[in-house]
PDB file of all heavy atoms in Angstrom:
ATOM      1  N   VAL A   1      10.768  -1.326   9.574  1.00  0.00           N
ATOM      2  CA  VAL A   1      11.216  -2.579  10.186  1.00  0.00           C
ATOM      3  C   VAL A   1      12.707  -2.576  10.540  1.00  0.00           C
ATOM      4  O   VAL A   1      13.102  -3.101  11.575  1.00  0.00           O
ATOM      5  CB  VAL A   1      10.838  -3.800   9.310  1.00  0.00           C
ATOM      6  CG1 VAL A   1      11.640  -3.829   8.024  1.00  0.00           C
ATOM      7  CG2 VAL A   1      11.002  -5.084  10.085  1.00  0.00           C
ATOM      8  N   ASP A   2      13.546  -1.984   9.713  1.00  0.00           N
ATOM      9  CA  ASP A   2      14.983  -1.969   9.970  1.00  0.00           C
ATOM     10  C   ASP A   2      15.476  -0.679  10.624  1.00  0.00           C
ATOM     11  O   ASP A   2      16.679  -0.416  10.637  1.00  0.00           O
ATOM     12  CB  ASP A   2      15.761  -2.223   8.672  1.00  0.00           C
ATOM     13  CG  ASP A   2      15.560  -3.646   8.166  1.00  0.00           C
ATOM     14  OD1 ASP A   2      15.414  -4.563   9.002  1.00  0.00           O
ATOM     15  OD2 ASP A   2      15.528  -3.832   6.934  1.00  0.00           O
ATOM     16  N   ARG A   3      14.547   0.112  11.140  1.00  0.00           N
ATOM     17  CA  ARG A   3      14.864   1.358  11.844  1.00  0.00           C
ATOM     18  C   ARG A   3      15.807   2.256  11.026  1.00  0.00           C
ATOM     19  O   ARG A   3      16.921   2.552  11.461  1.00  0.00           O
ATOM     20  CB  ARG A   3      15.426   1.063  13.217  1.00  0.00           C
ATOM     21  CG  ARG A   3      14.460   0.278  14.097  1.00  0.00           C
ATOM     22  CD  ARG A   3      15.021  -0.036  15.455  1.00  0.00           C
ATOM     23  NE  ARG A   3      15.243   1.145  16.249  1.00  0.00           N
ATOM     24  CZ  ARG A   3      14.356   1.692  17.071  1.00  0.00           C
ATOM     25  NH1 ARG A   3      13.176   1.155  17.204  1.00  0.00           N
ATOM     26  NH2 ARG A   3      14.657   2.767  17.772  1.00  0.00           N
ATOM     27  N   PRO A   4      15.360   2.707   9.867  1.00  0.00           N
ATOM     28  CA  PRO A   4      16.215   3.557   9.025  1.00  0.00           C
ATOM     29  C   PRO A   4      16.476   4.909   9.671  1.00  0.00           C
ATOM     30  O   PRO A   4      15.733   5.344  10.553  1.00  0.00           O
ATOM     31  CB  PRO A   4      15.386   3.720   7.746  1.00  0.00           C
ATOM     32  CG  PRO A   4      13.973   3.580   8.211  1.00  0.00           C
ATOM     33  CD  PRO A   4      14.013   2.555   9.309  1.00  0.00           C
ATOM     34  N   ASP A   5      17.535   5.568   9.216  1.00  0.00           N
ATOM     35  CA  ASP A   5      17.858   6.914   9.698  1.00  0.00           C
ATOM     36  C   ASP A   5      16.985   7.973   9.034  1.00  0.00           C
ATOM     37  O   ASP A   5      16.714   9.019   9.610  1.00  0.00           O
ATOM     38  CB  ASP A   5      19.326   7.251   9.415  1.00  0.00           C
ATOM     39  CG  ASP A   5      20.279   6.401  10.240  1.00  0.00           C
ATOM     40  OD1 ASP A   5      19.891   5.956  11.339  1.00  0.00           O
ATOM     41  OD2 ASP A   5      21.410   6.180   9.773  1.00  0.00           O
ATOM     42  N   THR A   6      16.583   7.705   7.790  1.00  0.00           N
ATOM     43  CA  THR A   6      15.795   8.663   7.010  1.00  0.00           C
ATOM     44  C   THR A   6      14.639   7.938   6.340  1.00  0.00           C
ATOM     45  O   THR A   6      14.824   6.848   5.790  1.00  0.00           O
ATOM     46  CB  THR A   6      16.670   9.319   5.920  1.00  0.00           C
ATOM     47  OG1 THR A   6      17.797   9.930   6.544  1.00  0.00           O
ATOM     48  CG2 THR A   6      15.879  10.363   5.138  1.00  0.00           C
ATOM     49  N   VAL A   7      13.466   8.575   6.378  1.00  0.00           N
ATOM     50  CA  VAL A   7      12.278   8.025   5.720  1.00  0.00           C
ATOM     51  C   VAL A   7      11.646   9.129   4.880  1.00  0.00           C
ATOM     52  O   VAL A   7      11.431  10.240   5.359  1.00  0.00           O
ATOM     53  CB  VAL A   7      11.247   7.517   6.754  1.00  0.00           C
ATOM     54  CG1 VAL A   7       9.988   7.032   6.065  1.00  0.00           C
ATOM     55  CG2 VAL A   7      11.848   6.438   7.629  1.00  0.00           C
ATOM     56  N   VAL A   8      11.361   8.803   3.622  1.00  0.00           N
ATOM     57  CA  VAL A   8      10.670   9.736   2.730  1.00  0.00           C
ATOM     58  C   VAL A   8       9.385   9.072   2.248  1.00  0.00           C
ATOM     59  O   VAL A   8       9.434   7.946   1.733  1.00  0.00           O
ATOM     60  CB  VAL A   8      11.550  10.117   1.526  1.00  0.00           C
ATOM     61  CG1 VAL A   8      10.757  10.969   0.534  1.00  0.00           C
ATOM     62  CG2 VAL A   8      12.799  10.850   1.990  1.00  0.00           C
ATOM     63  N   ALA A   9       8.274   9.753   2.433  1.00  0.00           N
ATOM     64  CA  ALA A   9       6.997   9.315   1.866  1.00  0.00           C
ATOM     65  C   ALA A   9       6.823  10.095   0.570  1.00  0.00           C
ATOM     66  O   ALA A   9       6.718  11.319   0.583  1.00  0.00           O
ATOM     67  CB  ALA A   9       5.857   9.586   2.830  1.00  0.00           C
ATOM     68  N   ASP A  10       6.831   9.388  -0.549  1.00  0.00           N
ATOM     69  CA  ASP A  10       6.758  10.012  -1.868  1.00  0.00           C
ATOM     70  C   ASP A  10       5.323   9.899  -2.392  1.00  0.00           C
ATOM     71  O   ASP A  10       4.813   8.804  -2.595  1.00  0.00           O
ATOM     72  CB  ASP A  10       7.733   9.323  -2.816  1.00  0.00           C
ATOM     73  CG  ASP A  10       7.902  10.065  -4.126  1.00  0.00           C
ATOM     74  OD1 ASP A  10       6.908  10.602  -4.640  1.00  0.00           O
ATOM     75  OD2 ASP A  10       9.043  10.092  -4.622  1.00  0.00           O
ATOM     76  N   PHE A  11       4.692  11.045  -2.607  1.00  0.00           N
ATOM     77  CA  PHE A  11       3.291  11.120  -3.017  1.00  0.00           C
ATOM     78  C   PHE A  11       3.109  11.305  -4.522  1.00  0.00           C
ATOM     79  O   PHE A  11       2.016  11.631  -4.968  1.00  0.00           O
ATOM     80  CB  PHE A  11       2.617  12.271  -2.280  1.00  0.00           C
ATOM     81  CG  PHE A  11       1.935  11.861  -1.008  1.00  0.00           C
ATOM     82  CD1 PHE A  11       2.622  11.211  -0.013  1.00  0.00           C
ATOM     83  CD2 PHE A  11       0.589  12.125  -0.820  1.00  0.00           C
ATOM     84  CE1 PHE A  11       1.998  10.832   1.160  1.00  0.00           C
ATOM     85  CE2 PHE A  11      -0.044  11.747   0.345  1.00  0.00           C
ATOM     86  CZ  PHE A  11       0.650  11.099   1.335  1.00  0.00           C
ATOM     87  N   ALA A  12       4.149  11.091  -5.312  1.00  0.00           N
ATOM     88  CA  ALA A  12       4.053  11.343  -6.756  1.00  0.00           C
ATOM     89  C   ALA A  12       2.903  10.576  -7.408  1.00  0.00           C
ATOM     90  O   ALA A  12       2.273  11.074  -8.335  1.00  0.00           O
ATOM     91  CB  ALA A  12       5.373  11.011  -7.444  1.00  0.00           C
ATOM     92  N   GLY A  13       2.598   9.395  -6.933  1.00  0.00           N
ATOM     93  CA  GLY A  13       1.546   8.578  -7.530  1.00  0.00           C
ATOM     94  C   GLY A  13       0.190   8.677  -6.868  1.00  0.00           C
ATOM     95  O   GLY A  13      -0.744   7.967  -7.232  1.00  0.00           O
ATOM     96  N   VAL A  14       0.049   9.551  -5.880  1.00  0.00           N
ATOM     97  CA  VAL A  14      -1.220   9.661  -5.149  1.00  0.00           C
ATOM     98  C   VAL A  14      -2.166  10.591  -5.909  1.00  0.00           C
ATOM     99  O   VAL A  14      -1.818  11.711  -6.253  1.00  0.00           O
ATOM    100  CB  VAL A  14      -0.985  10.166  -3.709  1.00  0.00           C
ATOM    101  CG1 VAL A  14      -2.304  10.405  -2.994  1.00  0.00           C
ATOM    102  CG2 VAL A  14      -0.125   9.171  -2.944  1.00  0.00           C
ATOM    103  N   THR A  15      -3.371  10.104  -6.151  1.00  0.00           N
ATOM    104  CA  THR A  15      -4.362  10.875  -6.911  1.00  0.00           C
ATOM    105  C   THR A  15      -5.431  11.508  -6.030  1.00  0.00           C
ATOM    106  O   THR A  15      -6.124  12.426  -6.472  1.00  0.00           O
ATOM    107  CB  THR A  15      -5.052   9.971  -7.949  1.00  0.00           C
ATOM    108  OG1 THR A  15      -5.658   8.857  -7.265  1.00  0.00           O
ATOM    109  CG2 THR A  15      -4.045   9.466  -8.974  1.00  0.00           C
ATOM    110  N   PHE A  16      -5.581  11.031  -4.797  1.00  0.00           N
ATOM    111  CA  PHE A  16      -6.616  11.534  -3.891  1.00  0.00           C
ATOM    112  C   PHE A  16      -6.223  11.177  -2.468  1.00  0.00           C
ATOM    113  O   PHE A  16      -5.627  10.124  -2.222  1.00  0.00           O
ATOM    114  CB  PHE A  16      -7.969  10.886  -4.220  1.00  0.00           C
ATOM    115  CG  PHE A  16      -9.048  11.175  -3.214  1.00  0.00           C
ATOM    116  CD1 PHE A  16      -9.749  12.370  -3.256  1.00  0.00           C
ATOM    117  CD2 PHE A  16      -9.344  10.264  -2.219  1.00  0.00           C
ATOM    118  CE1 PHE A  16     -10.741  12.649  -2.320  1.00  0.00           C
ATOM    119  CE2 PHE A  16     -10.338  10.534  -1.280  1.00  0.00           C
ATOM    120  CZ  PHE A  16     -11.031  11.731  -1.339  1.00  0.00           C
ATOM    121  N   MET A  17      -6.590  12.047  -1.527  1.00  0.00           N
ATOM    122  CA  MET A  17      -6.392  11.733  -0.114  1.00  0.00           C
ATOM    123  C   MET A  17      -7.493  12.402   0.680  1.00  0.00           C
ATOM    124  O   MET A  17      -7.842  13.560   0.431  1.00  0.00           O
ATOM    125  CB  MET A  17      -5.024  12.214   0.373  1.00  0.00           C
ATOM    126  CG  MET A  17      -4.725  11.786   1.810  1.00  0.00           C
ATOM    127  SD  MET A  17      -3.067  12.211   2.352  1.00  0.00           S
ATOM    128  CE  MET A  17      -3.337  13.870   2.951  1.00  0.00           C
ATOM    129  N   ASP A  18      -8.035  11.687   1.674  1.00  0.00           N
ATOM    130  CA  ASP A  18      -9.029  12.266   2.578  1.00  0.00           C
ATOM    131  C   ASP A  18      -8.459  12.269   3.994  1.00  0.00           C
ATOM    132  O   ASP A  18      -7.249  12.117   4.184  1.00  0.00           O
ATOM    133  CB  ASP A  18     -10.367  11.529   2.475  1.00  0.00           C
ATOM    134  CG  ASP A  18     -10.308  10.075   2.943  1.00  0.00           C
ATOM    135  OD1 ASP A  18      -9.279   9.651   3.520  1.00  0.00           O
ATOM    136  OD2 ASP A  18     -11.304   9.358   2.728  1.00  0.00           O
ATOM    137  N   SER A  19      -9.315  12.435   4.977  1.00  0.00           N
ATOM    138  CA  SER A  19      -8.852  12.530   6.366  1.00  0.00           C
ATOM    139  C   SER A  19      -8.157  11.254   6.835  1.00  0.00           C
ATOM    140  O   SER A  19      -7.318  11.301   7.737  1.00  0.00           O
ATOM    141  CB  SER A  19     -10.009  12.878   7.299  1.00  0.00           C
ATOM    142  OG  SER A  19     -10.991  11.860   7.258  1.00  0.00           O
ATOM    143  N   THR A  20      -8.453  10.124   6.221  1.00  0.00           N
ATOM    144  CA  THR A  20      -7.737   8.885   6.533  1.00  0.00           C
ATOM    145  C   THR A  20      -6.246   9.066   6.258  1.00  0.00           C
ATOM    146  O   THR A  20      -5.403   8.616   7.032  1.00  0.00           O
ATOM    147  CB  THR A  20      -8.273   7.715   5.685  1.00  0.00           C
ATOM    148  OG1 THR A  20      -9.675   7.571   5.923  1.00  0.00           O
ATOM    149  CG2 THR A  20      -7.560   6.424   6.009  1.00  0.00           C
ATOM    150  N   GLY A  21      -5.939   9.748   5.180  1.00  0.00           N
ATOM    151  CA  GLY A  21      -4.545  10.010   4.830  1.00  0.00           C
ATOM    152  C   GLY A  21      -3.867  10.925   5.827  1.00  0.00           C
ATOM    153  O   GLY A  21      -2.684  10.748   6.144  1.00  0.00           O
ATOM    154  N   ILE A  22      -4.599  11.897   6.333  1.00  0.00           N
ATOM    155  CA  ILE A  22      -4.043  12.779   7.373  1.00  0.00           C
ATOM    156  C   ILE A  22      -3.684  11.956   8.604  1.00  0.00           C
ATOM    157  O   ILE A  22      -2.580  12.074   9.151  1.00  0.00           O
ATOM    158  CB  ILE A  22      -5.030  13.908   7.728  1.00  0.00           C
ATOM    159  CG1 ILE A  22      -5.226  14.858   6.544  1.00  0.00           C
ATOM    160  CG2 ILE A  22      -4.585  14.658   8.979  1.00  0.00           C
ATOM    161  CD1 ILE A  22      -4.015  15.692   6.195  1.00  0.00           C
ATOM    162  N   ARG A  23      -4.607  11.094   9.044  1.00  0.00           N
ATOM    163  CA  ARG A  23      -4.332  10.231  10.208  1.00  0.00           C
ATOM    164  C   ARG A  23      -3.126   9.342   9.938  1.00  0.00           C
ATOM    165  O   ARG A  23      -2.270   9.152  10.817  1.00  0.00           O
ATOM    166  CB  ARG A  23      -5.557   9.387  10.558  1.00  0.00           C
ATOM    167  CG  ARG A  23      -6.637  10.165  11.261  1.00  0.00           C
ATOM    168  CD  ARG A  23      -7.723   9.266  11.826  1.00  0.00           C
ATOM    169  NE  ARG A  23      -8.372   8.441  10.818  1.00  0.00           N
ATOM    170  CZ  ARG A  23      -9.371   8.821  10.053  1.00  0.00           C
ATOM    171  NH1 ARG A  23      -9.862  10.031  10.167  1.00  0.00           N
ATOM    172  NH2 ARG A  23      -9.896   7.994   9.178  1.00  0.00           N
ATOM    173  N   PHE A  24      -3.052   8.775   8.730  1.00  0.00           N
ATOM    174  CA  PHE A  24      -1.918   7.938   8.351  1.00  0.00           C
ATOM    175  C   PHE A  24      -0.608   8.711   8.442  1.00  0.00           C
ATOM    176  O   PHE A  24       0.366   8.246   9.039  1.00  0.00           O
ATOM    177  CB  PHE A  24      -2.134   7.410   6.926  1.00  0.00           C
ATOM    178  CG  PHE A  24      -0.873   6.978   6.232  1.00  0.00           C
ATOM    179  CD1 PHE A  24      -0.184   5.852   6.637  1.00  0.00           C
ATOM    180  CD2 PHE A  24      -0.373   7.708   5.161  1.00  0.00           C
ATOM    181  CE1 PHE A  24       0.982   5.454   5.994  1.00  0.00           C
ATOM    182  CE2 PHE A  24       0.781   7.320   4.508  1.00  0.00           C
ATOM    183  CZ  PHE A  24       1.463   6.195   4.923  1.00  0.00           C
ATOM    184  N   LEU A  25      -0.566   9.917   7.874  1.00  0.00           N
ATOM    185  CA  LEU A  25       0.661  10.714   7.877  1.00  0.00           C
ATOM    186  C   LEU A  25       1.083  11.105   9.285  1.00  0.00           C
ATOM    187  O   LEU A  25       2.270  11.053   9.620  1.00  0.00           O
ATOM    188  CB  LEU A  25       0.498  11.950   7.000  1.00  0.00           C
ATOM    189  CG  LEU A  25       0.446  11.688   5.503  1.00  0.00           C
ATOM    190  CD1 LEU A  25       0.146  12.977   4.747  1.00  0.00           C
ATOM    191  CD2 LEU A  25       1.743  11.064   5.011  1.00  0.00           C
ATOM    192  N   VAL A  26       0.132  11.508  10.115  1.00  0.00           N
ATOM    193  CA  VAL A  26       0.465  11.875  11.494  1.00  0.00           C
ATOM    194  C   VAL A  26       1.036  10.667  12.226  1.00  0.00           C
ATOM    195  O   VAL A  26       2.064  10.767  12.916  1.00  0.00           O
ATOM    196  CB  VAL A  26      -0.761  12.463  12.219  1.00  0.00           C
ATOM    197  CG1 VAL A  26      -0.512  12.573  13.719  1.00  0.00           C
ATOM    198  CG2 VAL A  26      -1.122  13.822  11.636  1.00  0.00           C
ATOM    199  N   GLY A  27       0.408   9.508  12.071  1.00  0.00           N
ATOM    200  CA  GLY A  27       0.914   8.300  12.724  1.00  0.00           C
ATOM    201  C   GLY A  27       2.275   7.884  12.209  1.00  0.00           C
ATOM    202  O   GLY A  27       3.162   7.497  12.977  1.00  0.00           O
ATOM    203  N   PHE A  28       2.467   7.974  10.905  1.00  0.00           N
ATOM    204  CA  PHE A  28       3.737   7.612  10.276  1.00  0.00           C
ATOM    205  C   PHE A  28       4.849   8.542  10.753  1.00  0.00           C
ATOM    206  O   PHE A  28       5.924   8.099  11.166  1.00  0.00           O
ATOM    207  CB  PHE A  28       3.570   7.673   8.767  1.00  0.00           C
ATOM    208  CG  PHE A  28       4.673   7.054   7.948  1.00  0.00           C
ATOM    209  CD1 PHE A  28       5.664   6.270   8.511  1.00  0.00           C
ATOM    210  CD2 PHE A  28       4.696   7.254   6.580  1.00  0.00           C
ATOM    211  CE1 PHE A  28       6.664   5.707   7.735  1.00  0.00           C
ATOM    212  CE2 PHE A  28       5.690   6.699   5.784  1.00  0.00           C
ATOM    213  CZ  PHE A  28       6.671   5.923   6.363  1.00  0.00           C
ATOM    214  N   LYS A  29       4.591   9.830  10.740  1.00  0.00           N
ATOM    215  CA  LYS A  29       5.593  10.817  11.198  1.00  0.00           C
ATOM    216  C   LYS A  29       5.906  10.610  12.672  1.00  0.00           C
ATOM    217  O   LYS A  29       7.071  10.656  13.088  1.00  0.00           O
ATOM    218  CB  LYS A  29       5.078  12.237  10.943  1.00  0.00           C
ATOM    219  CG  LYS A  29       5.861  13.349  11.626  1.00  0.00           C
ATOM    220  CD  LYS A  29       7.083  13.754  10.863  1.00  0.00           C
ATOM    221  CE  LYS A  29       7.689  15.061  11.282  1.00  0.00           C
ATOM    222  NZ  LYS A  29       8.197  15.168  12.624  1.00  0.00           N
ATOM    223  N   THR A  30       4.887  10.353  13.471  1.00  0.00           N
ATOM    224  CA  THR A  30       5.087  10.115  14.902  1.00  0.00           C
ATOM    225  C   THR A  30       5.950   8.878  15.136  1.00  0.00           C
ATOM    226  O   THR A  30       6.846   8.882  15.979  1.00  0.00           O
ATOM    227  CB  THR A  30       3.727   9.989  15.623  1.00  0.00           C
ATOM    228  OG1 THR A  30       2.989  11.195  15.408  1.00  0.00           O
ATOM    229  CG2 THR A  30       3.889   9.739  17.101  1.00  0.00           C
ATOM    230  N   ARG A  31       5.710   7.823  14.348  1.00  0.00           N
ATOM    231  CA  ARG A  31       6.533   6.615  14.458  1.00  0.00           C
ATOM    232  C   ARG A  31       7.976   6.899  14.059  1.00  0.00           C
ATOM    233  O   ARG A  31       8.917   6.421  14.694  1.00  0.00           O
ATOM    234  CB  ARG A  31       5.980   5.493  13.577  1.00  0.00           C
ATOM    235  CG  ARG A  31       4.706   4.851  14.056  1.00  0.00           C
ATOM    236  CD  ARG A  31       4.892   3.823  15.172  1.00  0.00           C
ATOM    237  NE  ARG A  31       5.946   2.850  14.950  1.00  0.00           N
ATOM    238  CZ  ARG A  31       5.871   1.768  14.196  1.00  0.00           C
ATOM    239  NH1 ARG A  31       4.773   1.480  13.549  1.00  0.00           N
ATOM    240  NH2 ARG A  31       6.888   0.951  14.078  1.00  0.00           N
ATOM    241  N   CYS A  32       8.169   7.679  12.998  1.00  0.00           N
ATOM    242  CA  CYS A  32       9.528   8.055  12.579  1.00  0.00           C
ATOM    243  C   CYS A  32      10.224   8.820  13.696  1.00  0.00           C
ATOM    244  O   CYS A  32      11.383   8.543  14.019  1.00  0.00           O
ATOM    245  CB  CYS A  32       9.488   8.889  11.303  1.00  0.00           C
ATOM    246  SG  CYS A  32       9.061   7.951   9.830  1.00  0.00           S
ATOM    247  N   ASP A  33       9.514   9.781  14.285  1.00  0.00           N
ATOM    248  CA  ASP A  33      10.077  10.556  15.392  1.00  0.00           C
ATOM    249  C   ASP A  33      10.466   9.639  16.556  1.00  0.00           C
ATOM    250  O   ASP A  33      11.506   9.837  17.185  1.00  0.00           O
ATOM    251  CB  ASP A  33       9.083  11.606  15.890  1.00  0.00           C
ATOM    252  CG  ASP A  33       8.872  12.747  14.905  1.00  0.00           C
ATOM    253  OD1 ASP A  33       9.660  12.873  13.938  1.00  0.00           O
ATOM    254  OD2 ASP A  33       7.904  13.512  15.103  1.00  0.00           O
ATOM    255  N   SER A  34       9.655   8.632  16.831  1.00  0.00           N
ATOM    256  CA  SER A  34       9.906   7.756  17.982  1.00  0.00           C
ATOM    257  C   SER A  34      11.160   6.905  17.821  1.00  0.00           C
ATOM    258  O   SER A  34      11.748   6.482  18.815  1.00  0.00           O
ATOM    259  CB  SER A  34       8.690   6.866  18.267  1.00  0.00           C
ATOM    260  OG  SER A  34       8.588   5.824  17.315  1.00  0.00           O
ATOM    261  N   ILE A  35      11.569   6.649  16.570  1.00  0.00           N
ATOM    262  CA  ILE A  35      12.802   5.876  16.360  1.00  0.00           C
ATOM    263  C   ILE A  35      13.964   6.774  15.954  1.00  0.00           C
ATOM    264  O   ILE A  35      15.053   6.291  15.645  1.00  0.00           O
ATOM    265  CB  ILE A  35      12.600   4.745  15.326  1.00  0.00           C
ATOM    266  CG1 ILE A  35      12.309   5.293  13.933  1.00  0.00           C
ATOM    267  CG2 ILE A  35      11.533   3.764  15.792  1.00  0.00           C
ATOM    268  CD1 ILE A  35      12.405   4.252  12.827  1.00  0.00           C
ATOM    269  N   GLY A  36      13.731   8.078  15.915  1.00  0.00           N
ATOM    270  CA  GLY A  36      14.786   9.032  15.584  1.00  0.00           C
ATOM    271  C   GLY A  36      15.086   9.139  14.103  1.00  0.00           C
ATOM    272  O   GLY A  36      16.165   9.601  13.724  1.00  0.00           O
ATOM    273  N   ALA A  37      14.150   8.736  13.258  1.00  0.00           N
ATOM    274  CA  ALA A  37      14.353   8.813  11.807  1.00  0.00           C
ATOM    275  C   ALA A  37      13.952  10.188  11.287  1.00  0.00           C
ATOM    276  O   ALA A  37      12.905  10.710  11.658  1.00  0.00           O
ATOM    277  CB  ALA A  37      13.530   7.732  11.104  1.00  0.00           C
ATOM    278  N   ALA A  38      14.786  10.746  10.434  1.00  0.00           N
ATOM    279  CA  ALA A  38      14.436  12.005   9.771  1.00  0.00           C
ATOM    280  C   ALA A  38      13.268  11.732   8.831  1.00  0.00           C
ATOM    281  O   ALA A  38      13.156  10.656   8.253  1.00  0.00           O
ATOM    282  CB  ALA A  38      15.635  12.537   8.992  1.00  0.00           C
ATOM    283  N   TRP A  39      12.413  12.728   8.651  1.00  0.00           N
ATOM    284  CA  TRP A  39      11.169  12.585   7.896  1.00  0.00           C
ATOM    285  C   TRP A  39      11.160  13.487   6.678  1.00  0.00           C
ATOM    286  O   TRP A  39      11.601  14.622   6.743  1.00  0.00           O
ATOM    287  CB  TRP A  39      10.019  12.959   8.815  1.00  0.00           C
ATOM    288  CG  TRP A  39       8.696  13.222   8.134  1.00  0.00           C
ATOM    289  CD1 TRP A  39       8.216  14.447   7.763  1.00  0.00           C
ATOM    290  CD2 TRP A  39       7.704  12.285   7.778  1.00  0.00           C
ATOM    291  NE1 TRP A  39       6.979  14.308   7.196  1.00  0.00           N
ATOM    292  CE2 TRP A  39       6.636  12.979   7.196  1.00  0.00           C
ATOM    293  CE3 TRP A  39       7.613  10.892   7.890  1.00  0.00           C
ATOM    294  CZ2 TRP A  39       5.497  12.352   6.735  1.00  0.00           C
ATOM    295  CZ3 TRP A  39       6.470  10.274   7.429  1.00  0.00           C
ATOM    296  CH2 TRP A  39       5.432  10.994   6.861  1.00  0.00           C
ATOM    297  N   GLY A  40      10.622  12.977   5.588  1.00  0.00           N
ATOM    298  CA  GLY A  40      10.395  13.793   4.405  1.00  0.00           C
ATOM    299  C   GLY A  40       9.075  13.407   3.766  1.00  0.00           C
ATOM    300  O   GLY A  40       8.706  12.240   3.737  1.00  0.00           O
ATOM    301  N   LEU A  41       8.353  14.385   3.269  1.00  0.00           N
ATOM    302  CA  LEU A  41       7.085  14.170   2.572  1.00  0.00           C
ATOM    303  C   LEU A  41       7.203  14.924   1.251  1.00  0.00           C
ATOM    304  O   LEU A  41       7.170  16.154   1.240  1.00  0.00           O
ATOM    305  CB  LEU A  41       5.926  14.694   3.423  1.00  0.00           C
ATOM    306  CG  LEU A  41       4.514  14.546   2.878  1.00  0.00           C
ATOM    307  CD1 LEU A  41       4.208  13.100   2.527  1.00  0.00           C
ATOM    308  CD2 LEU A  41       3.517  15.062   3.907  1.00  0.00           C
ATOM    309  N   GLU A  42       7.397  14.180   0.158  1.00  0.00           N
ATOM    310  CA  GLU A  42       7.757  14.795  -1.118  1.00  0.00           C
ATOM    311  C   GLU A  42       6.734  14.543  -2.211  1.00  0.00           C
ATOM    312  O   GLU A  42       5.953  13.601  -2.137  1.00  0.00           O
ATOM    313  CB  GLU A  42       9.108  14.253  -1.586  1.00  0.00           C
ATOM    314  CG  GLU A  42      10.240  14.588  -0.654  1.00  0.00           C
ATOM    315  CD  GLU A  42      11.573  14.038  -1.117  1.00  0.00           C
ATOM    316  OE1 GLU A  42      11.615  13.243  -2.089  1.00  0.00           O
ATOM    317  OE2 GLU A  42      12.590  14.395  -0.515  1.00  0.00           O
ATOM    318  N   ASN A  43       6.795  15.406  -3.238  1.00  0.00           N
ATOM    319  CA  ASN A  43       5.957  15.295  -4.436  1.00  0.00           C
ATOM    320  C   ASN A  43       4.472  15.305  -4.106  1.00  0.00           C
ATOM    321  O   ASN A  43       3.695  14.537  -4.668  1.00  0.00           O
ATOM    322  CB  ASN A  43       6.334  14.043  -5.246  1.00  0.00           C
ATOM    323  CG  ASN A  43       7.767  14.069  -5.694  1.00  0.00           C
ATOM    324  OD1 ASN A  43       8.247  15.082  -6.202  1.00  0.00           O
ATOM    325  ND2 ASN A  43       8.474  12.983  -5.478  1.00  0.00           N
ATOM    326  N   VAL A  44       4.108  16.192  -3.209  1.00  0.00           N
ATOM    327  CA  VAL A  44       2.725  16.289  -2.753  1.00  0.00           C
ATOM    328  C   VAL A  44       1.972  17.274  -3.659  1.00  0.00           C
ATOM    329  O   VAL A  44       2.450  18.383  -3.913  1.00  0.00           O
ATOM    330  CB  VAL A  44       2.676  16.751  -1.279  1.00  0.00           C
ATOM    331  CG1 VAL A  44       1.255  16.780  -0.776  1.00  0.00           C
ATOM    332  CG2 VAL A  44       3.541  15.845  -0.416  1.00  0.00           C
ATOM    333  N   SER A  45       0.798  16.865  -4.123  1.00  0.00           N
ATOM    334  CA  SER A  45       0.004  17.721  -5.005  1.00  0.00           C
ATOM    335  C   SER A  45      -0.520  18.939  -4.247  1.00  0.00           C
ATOM    336  O   SER A  45      -0.613  18.942  -3.015  1.00  0.00           O
ATOM    337  CB  SER A  45      -1.171  16.944  -5.593  1.00  0.00           C
ATOM    338  OG  SER A  45      -2.126  16.673  -4.585  1.00  0.00           O
ATOM    339  N   THR A  46      -0.885  19.943  -4.999  1.00  0.00           N
ATOM    340  CA  THR A  46      -1.428  21.169  -4.418  1.00  0.00           C
ATOM    341  C   THR A  46      -2.676  20.890  -3.597  1.00  0.00           C
ATOM    342  O   THR A  46      -2.841  21.452  -2.508  1.00  0.00           O
ATOM    343  CB  THR A  46      -1.742  22.189  -5.538  1.00  0.00           C
ATOM    344  OG1 THR A  46      -0.537  22.430  -6.263  1.00  0.00           O
ATOM    345  CG2 THR A  46      -2.270  23.489  -4.979  1.00  0.00           C
ATOM    346  N   SER A  47      -3.559  20.013  -4.079  1.00  0.00           N
ATOM    347  CA  SER A  47      -4.796  19.728  -3.341  1.00  0.00           C
ATOM    348  C   SER A  47      -4.518  19.018  -2.018  1.00  0.00           C
ATOM    349  O   SER A  47      -5.180  19.286  -1.014  1.00  0.00           O
ATOM    350  CB  SER A  47      -5.766  18.914  -4.195  1.00  0.00           C
ATOM    351  OG  SER A  47      -5.208  17.667  -4.538  1.00  0.00           O
TER     352      SER A  47
END
């Protein structure tokens, strides 16, 4: 909402993700790119 310069999606608390999550991440990253925000995806489980 406030057009930040940097956005980090922290997955430390995520226990499961399916293809819905892939669509979410692609859309989220694309939105970050469209406003020029740097992107980070951290604490992602091996699965």
